[in-house]
Amino acid sequence: MKRVLDEDLIYEILSAVGEIPEGRVATYGQIAALIGRERNSRLVGKVLSMAEYYGHYPCHRVVNHAGRLVPGWREQAGLLAMEGVELKENGCVDLKKYQWEC
């Protein structure tokens, strides 16, 4: 049986994340769709949680489908703010304004 998560898939996901322009965000589902795995947004999240072992990628630019930031990752909001991405009052990114149109 082939493993679901192999090095090629990891780098495919991270490569897609690397394409997100500064000042924009993408959702986990959007990244999954970009690599042809529309139903694997959780897999994208898993890969991003260990991205530090594979190099430097702008993982802070990935949010959930509602624009919510990663729970427990306080630096994410600051990194996005440095790129001009403002959060709504509820702490989420306004996807209508900042979502990457790929």
Protein backbone atom coordinates (compact mmCIF):
# COMPACT_ATOMS: atom_id res chain seq x y z
CA MET A 1 0.00 0.00 0.00
CA LYS A 2 1.32 3.43 -0.93
CA ARG A 3 1.81 5.89 1.91
CA VAL A 4 -0.49 8.89 1.74
CA LEU A 5 2.18 11.34 2.86
CA ASP A 6 5.47 11.06 1.00
CA GLU A 7 8.26 13.56 0.33
CA ASP A 8 6.98 14.43 -3.15
CA LEU A 9 3.55 15.31 -1.81
CA ILE A 10 5.04 17.33 1.04
CA TYR A 11 7.10 19.41 -1.36
CA GLU A 12 4.15 19.78 -3.73
CA ILE A 13 2.08 21.28 -0.92
CA LEU A 14 4.91 23.50 0.31
CA SER A 15 5.60 24.65 -3.25
CA ALA A 16 1.98 25.75 -3.62
CA VAL A 17 2.19 27.61 -0.30
CA GLY A 18 5.37 29.29 -1.52
CA GLU A 19 3.41 30.80 -4.41
CA ILE A 20 1.02 32.76 -2.16
CA PRO A 21 1.91 36.44 -2.68
CA GLU A 22 2.82 38.70 0.21
CA GLY A 23 -0.27 40.42 1.60
CA ARG A 24 -2.59 37.60 0.53
CA VAL A 25 -3.85 34.41 2.18
CA ALA A 26 -5.07 31.05 0.93
CA THR A 27 -7.18 28.42 2.65
CA TYR A 28 -6.17 24.84 3.36
CA GLY A 29 -8.83 23.72 0.90
CA GLN A 30 -7.55 26.09 -1.75
CA ILE A 31 -4.03 24.62 -1.46
CA ALA A 32 -5.47 21.10 -1.58
CA ALA A 33 -7.39 21.97 -4.77
CA LEU A 34 -4.28 23.51 -6.35
CA ILE A 35 -2.44 20.20 -6.07
CA GLY A 36 -5.43 18.17 -7.29
CA ARG A 37 -6.47 16.82 -3.87
CA GLU A 38 -9.65 18.80 -3.23
CA ARG A 39 -10.71 16.60 -0.32
CA ASN A 40 -7.42 16.73 1.57
CA SER A 41 -7.39 20.10 3.34
CA ARG A 42 -6.52 18.38 6.65
CA LEU A 43 -3.52 16.79 4.98
CA VAL A 44 -2.39 20.29 3.97
CA GLY A 45 -2.68 21.37 7.59
CA LYS A 46 -0.65 18.38 8.75
CA VAL A 47 2.13 19.15 6.29
CA LEU A 48 2.19 22.83 7.28
CA SER A 49 2.49 21.86 10.95
CA MET A 50 5.85 20.25 10.16
CA ALA A 51 7.00 22.62 7.40
CA GLU A 52 9.87 23.95 9.52
CA TYR A 53 11.71 20.67 8.88
CA TYR A 54 11.65 21.28 5.11
CA GLY A 55 12.78 24.89 4.82
CA HIS A 56 11.25 28.34 5.02
CA TYR A 57 7.75 28.67 3.61
CA PRO A 58 5.12 31.38 4.20
CA CYS A 59 2.80 29.06 6.14
CA HIS A 60 1.42 32.08 8.01
CA ARG A 61 -0.46 32.93 4.81
CA VAL A 62 -2.70 29.86 5.11
CA VAL A 63 -5.95 30.07 7.10
CA ASN A 64 -9.08 27.95 7.40
CA HIS A 65 -12.16 28.34 5.20
CA ALA A 66 -13.57 31.05 7.49
CA GLY A 67 -10.32 33.02 7.65
CA ARG A 68 -9.47 31.78 11.15
CA LEU A 69 -5.83 31.73 12.17
CA VAL A 70 -4.03 28.70 13.58
CA PRO A 71 -5.01 28.25 17.24
CA GLY A 72 -2.03 28.69 19.53
CA TRP A 73 0.24 30.29 16.91
CA ARG A 74 0.34 33.85 18.20
CA GLU A 75 3.01 34.98 15.75
CA GLN A 76 0.76 34.35 12.74
CA ALA A 77 -1.30 37.51 13.27
CA GLY A 78 1.87 39.62 13.56
CA LEU A 79 3.41 38.12 10.43
CA LEU A 80 0.24 38.83 8.47
CA ALA A 81 0.03 42.38 9.88
CA MET A 82 3.61 43.05 8.71
CA GLU A 83 2.38 42.21 5.19
CA GLY A 84 -0.61 44.55 5.47
CA VAL A 85 -3.25 41.89 6.16
CA GLU A 86 -5.72 43.24 8.71
CA LEU A 87 -7.91 41.06 10.89
CA LYS A 88 -11.61 41.59 11.45
CA GLU A 89 -12.97 42.22 14.94
CA ASN A 90 -13.45 38.48 15.42
CA GLY A 91 -9.74 37.85 14.76
CA CYS A 92 -10.26 36.30 11.32
CA VAL A 93 -8.88 37.40 7.97
CA ASP A 94 -11.40 39.01 5.63
CA LEU A 95 -11.19 36.51 2.78
CA LYS A 96 -13.19 38.76 0.45
CA LYS A 97 -10.42 41.32 0.75
CA TYR A 98 -7.23 39.27 1.17
CA GLN A 99 -7.79 35.84 -0.40
CA TRP A 100 -5.33 34.94 -3.12
CA GLU A 101 -6.98 34.64 -6.51
CA CYS A 102 -5.00 31.83 -8.08
